[in-house]
Amino acid sequence: MPSRVLIVDDAQFMRNLLRDIFSSAGWEIAGEAADGHEAWQKYQEVSPDLVTMDIVMPERNGIEALQDIIAIDSRALVVMCSALGQESMVMEALQNGARDFIVKPFKREQVLEVVRRVMG
């Protein structure tokens, strides 16, 4: 049974890139969201196996959305996506329940390696 991923990023091209990476690895795309508020709503609708969460987004940022998701599902598997220079926010996310992080720009093998580690 393929795993299901929710892709959260305010940039459409980043969502497209991640969708291509996951689809090519046999994953089902459970949904996509463009901001933290939408991510929280979608998480409840689609119950994905994994969430990739951008940190910097409008409305609610990735850390706020992470906290919202962990509050309703403490076992949620959330991997943060960050640009270089966002180390303090990545650390905050990890302290708030994120399982790991991926640094942009995304490389297919790097994304899949982190996901394999998180999925255990």
C-alpha atoms as a PDB file:
ATOM      1  CA  MET A   1       0.000   0.000   0.000  1.00  0.00           C
ATOM      2  CA  PRO A   2       1.541   3.328  -1.008  1.00  0.00           C
ATOM      3  CA  SER A   3       2.107   5.983   1.615  1.00  0.00           C
ATOM      4  CA  ARG A   4       0.144   9.234   1.434  1.00  0.00           C
ATOM      5  CA  VAL A   5       1.737  12.681   1.709  1.00  0.00           C
ATOM      6  CA  LEU A   6       0.326  16.164   2.325  1.00  0.00           C
ATOM      7  CA  ILE A   7       2.537  18.815   0.680  1.00  0.00           C
ATOM      8  CA  VAL A   8       2.450  22.275   2.268  1.00  0.00           C
ATOM      9  CA  ASP A   9       4.239  25.228   0.653  1.00  0.00           C
ATOM     10  CA  ASP A  10       3.080  28.701  -0.377  1.00  0.00           C
ATOM     11  CA  ALA A  11       5.036  28.434  -3.650  1.00  0.00           C
ATOM     12  CA  GLN A  12       3.220  26.426  -6.327  1.00  0.00           C
ATOM     13  CA  PHE A  13       6.483  25.451  -8.068  1.00  0.00           C
ATOM     14  CA  MET A  14       7.817  23.971  -4.799  1.00  0.00           C
ATOM     15  CA  ARG A  15       4.633  21.936  -4.373  1.00  0.00           C
ATOM     16  CA  ASN A  16       4.972  20.769  -7.989  1.00  0.00           C
ATOM     17  CA  LEU A  17       8.597  19.751  -7.408  1.00  0.00           C
ATOM     18  CA  LEU A  18       7.738  17.765  -4.280  1.00  0.00           C
ATOM     19  CA  ARG A  19       4.702  16.219  -5.978  1.00  0.00           C
ATOM     20  CA  ASP A  20       6.964  14.997  -8.810  1.00  0.00           C
ATOM     21  CA  ILE A  21       9.520  13.578  -6.356  1.00  0.00           C
ATOM     22  CA  PHE A  22       6.911  11.721  -4.296  1.00  0.00           C
ATOM     23  CA  SER A  23       4.856  10.527  -7.285  1.00  0.00           C
ATOM     24  CA  SER A  24       7.938   9.135  -9.008  1.00  0.00           C
ATOM     25  CA  ALA A  25       8.731   7.191  -5.811  1.00  0.00           C
ATOM     26  CA  GLY A  26       5.272   5.613  -5.753  1.00  0.00           C
ATOM     27  CA  TRP A  27       3.644   7.849  -3.142  1.00  0.00           C
ATOM     28  CA  GLU A  28       0.035   8.968  -3.265  1.00  0.00           C
ATOM     29  CA  ILE A  29      -0.448  12.750  -3.005  1.00  0.00           C
ATOM     30  CA  ALA A  30      -3.149  13.033  -0.332  1.00  0.00           C
ATOM     31  CA  GLY A  31      -3.406  16.791  -0.740  1.00  0.00           C
ATOM     32  CA  GLU A  32      -1.666  20.146  -0.985  1.00  0.00           C
ATOM     33  CA  ALA A  33      -1.921  23.359   1.000  1.00  0.00           C
ATOM     34  CA  ALA A  34      -0.546  26.866   0.444  1.00  0.00           C
ATOM     35  CA  ASP A  35      -0.515  28.130   4.040  1.00  0.00           C
ATOM     36  CA  GLY A  36      -0.518  26.896   7.619  1.00  0.00           C
ATOM     37  CA  HIS A  37      -4.239  27.324   8.203  1.00  0.00           C
ATOM     38  CA  GLU A  38      -5.074  25.342   5.058  1.00  0.00           C
ATOM     39  CA  ALA A  39      -2.507  22.693   6.113  1.00  0.00           C
ATOM     40  CA  TRP A  40      -4.282  22.128   9.422  1.00  0.00           C
ATOM     41  CA  GLN A  41      -7.670  21.816   7.692  1.00  0.00           C
ATOM     42  CA  LYS A  42      -6.324  19.451   5.012  1.00  0.00           C
ATOM     43  CA  TYR A  43      -4.547  17.300   7.618  1.00  0.00           C
ATOM     44  CA  GLN A  44      -7.875  16.648   9.328  1.00  0.00           C
ATOM     45  CA  GLU A  45      -9.598  15.915   5.997  1.00  0.00           C
ATOM     46  CA  VAL A  46      -7.060  13.532   4.452  1.00  0.00           C
ATOM     47  CA  SER A  47      -5.142  11.991   7.422  1.00  0.00           C
ATOM     48  CA  PRO A  48      -1.835  11.651   5.530  1.00  0.00           C
ATOM     49  CA  ASP A  49       1.017   9.347   6.553  1.00  0.00           C
ATOM     50  CA  LEU A  50       3.498  12.219   6.177  1.00  0.00           C
ATOM     51  CA  VAL A  51       3.445  16.009   5.878  1.00  0.00           C
ATOM     52  CA  THR A  52       6.121  18.155   4.233  1.00  0.00           C
ATOM     53  CA  MET A  53       5.770  21.625   5.756  1.00  0.00           C
ATOM     54  CA  ASP A  54       7.349  24.842   4.532  1.00  0.00           C
ATOM     55  CA  ILE A  55       8.414  27.064   7.440  1.00  0.00           C
ATOM     56  CA  VAL A  56       7.852  30.556   6.021  1.00  0.00           C
ATOM     57  CA  MET A  57       4.278  31.024   4.752  1.00  0.00           C
ATOM     58  CA  PRO A  58       1.523  33.639   4.953  1.00  0.00           C
ATOM     59  CA  GLU A  59      -1.456  33.338   7.344  1.00  0.00           C
ATOM     60  CA  ARG A  60      -0.023  30.752   9.744  1.00  0.00           C
ATOM     61  CA  ASN A  61       3.616  29.780   9.316  1.00  0.00           C
ATOM     62  CA  GLY A  62       4.890  26.220   9.290  1.00  0.00           C
ATOM     63  CA  ILE A  63       5.766  26.139  12.988  1.00  0.00           C
ATOM     64  CA  GLU A  64       2.268  27.325  13.970  1.00  0.00           C
ATOM     65  CA  ALA A  65       0.704  24.772  11.617  1.00  0.00           C
ATOM     66  CA  LEU A  66       2.981  22.054  13.041  1.00  0.00           C
ATOM     67  CA  GLN A  67       1.813  22.926  16.566  1.00  0.00           C
ATOM     68  CA  ASP A  68      -1.833  22.793  15.412  1.00  0.00           C
ATOM     69  CA  ILE A  69      -1.343  19.368  13.816  1.00  0.00           C
ATOM     70  CA  ILE A  70       0.611  17.890  16.762  1.00  0.00           C
ATOM     71  CA  ALA A  71      -2.148  19.161  19.093  1.00  0.00           C
ATOM     72  CA  ILE A  72      -4.709  16.960  17.297  1.00  0.00           C
ATOM     73  CA  ASP A  73      -2.335  14.069  16.426  1.00  0.00           C
ATOM     74  CA  SER A  74       0.769  13.670  18.576  1.00  0.00           C
ATOM     75  CA  ARG A  75       2.021  10.856  16.273  1.00  0.00           C
ATOM     76  CA  ALA A  76       1.918  13.013  13.132  1.00  0.00           C
ATOM     77  CA  LEU A  77       5.004  12.694  10.929  1.00  0.00           C
ATOM     78  CA  VAL A  78       5.917  16.216   9.827  1.00  0.00           C
ATOM     79  CA  VAL A  79       9.106  17.043   7.912  1.00  0.00           C
ATOM     80  CA  MET A  80       9.956  20.739   7.729  1.00  0.00           C
ATOM     81  CA  CYS A  81      11.222  22.350   4.509  1.00  0.00           C
ATOM     82  CA  SER A  82      13.560  25.276   4.965  1.00  0.00           C
ATOM     83  CA  ALA A  83      15.878  27.533   3.067  1.00  0.00           C
ATOM     84  CA  LEU A  84      19.460  27.994   4.147  1.00  0.00           C
ATOM     85  CA  GLY A  85      19.725  30.490   6.980  1.00  0.00           C
ATOM     86  CA  GLN A  86      16.562  29.309   8.758  1.00  0.00           C
ATOM     87  CA  GLU A  87      18.414  27.116  11.268  1.00  0.00           C
ATOM     88  CA  SER A  88      16.849  28.719  14.360  1.00  0.00           C
ATOM     89  CA  MET A  89      13.356  28.132  12.967  1.00  0.00           C
ATOM     90  CA  VAL A  90      14.260  24.536  12.086  1.00  0.00           C
ATOM     91  CA  MET A  91      15.428  23.966  15.673  1.00  0.00           C
ATOM     92  CA  GLU A  92      12.178  25.477  16.993  1.00  0.00           C
ATOM     93  CA  ALA A  93      10.195  23.185  14.688  1.00  0.00           C
ATOM     94  CA  LEU A  94      12.115  20.108  15.863  1.00  0.00           C
ATOM     95  CA  GLN A  95      11.458  21.117  19.492  1.00  0.00           C
ATOM     96  CA  ASN A  96       7.751  21.399  18.630  1.00  0.00           C
ATOM     97  CA  GLY A  97       7.429  17.899  17.183  1.00  0.00           C
ATOM     98  CA  ALA A  98       8.801  17.958  13.638  1.00  0.00           C
ATOM     99  CA  ARG A  99      10.564  14.670  12.861  1.00  0.00           C
ATOM    100  CA  ASP A 100      13.242  16.016  10.501  1.00  0.00           C
ATOM    101  CA  PHE A 101      13.887  18.677   7.894  1.00  0.00           C
ATOM    102  CA  ILE A 102      14.804  19.070   4.227  1.00  0.00           C
ATOM    103  CA  VAL A 103      16.827  22.023   2.964  1.00  0.00           C
ATOM    104  CA  LYS A 104      15.817  23.832  -0.234  1.00  0.00           C
ATOM    105  CA  PRO A 105      16.617  23.590  -3.066  1.00  0.00           C
ATOM    106  CA  PHE A 106      15.271  20.038  -2.997  1.00  0.00           C
ATOM    107  CA  LYS A 107      17.285  17.149  -4.361  1.00  0.00           C
ATOM    108  CA  ARG A 108      15.265  14.002  -5.055  1.00  0.00           C
ATOM    109  CA  GLU A 109      17.605  11.610  -3.234  1.00  0.00           C
ATOM    110  CA  GLN A 110      17.918  13.907  -0.222  1.00  0.00           C
ATOM    111  CA  VAL A 111      14.124  14.208   0.102  1.00  0.00           C
ATOM    112  CA  LEU A 112      13.586  10.452  -0.193  1.00  0.00           C
ATOM    113  CA  GLU A 113      16.420   9.664   2.247  1.00  0.00           C
ATOM    114  CA  VAL A 114      14.915  11.926   4.933  1.00  0.00           C
ATOM    115  CA  VAL A 115      11.468  10.448   4.303  1.00  0.00           C
ATOM    116  CA  ARG A 116      12.766   6.866   4.575  1.00  0.00           C
ATOM    117  CA  ARG A 117      14.446   7.752   7.881  1.00  0.00           C
ATOM    118  CA  VAL A 118      11.279   9.372   9.281  1.00  0.00           C
ATOM    119  CA  MET A 119       8.966   6.592   8.117  1.00  0.00           C
ATOM    120  CA  GLY A 120      11.351   4.128   9.749  1.00  0.00           C
END
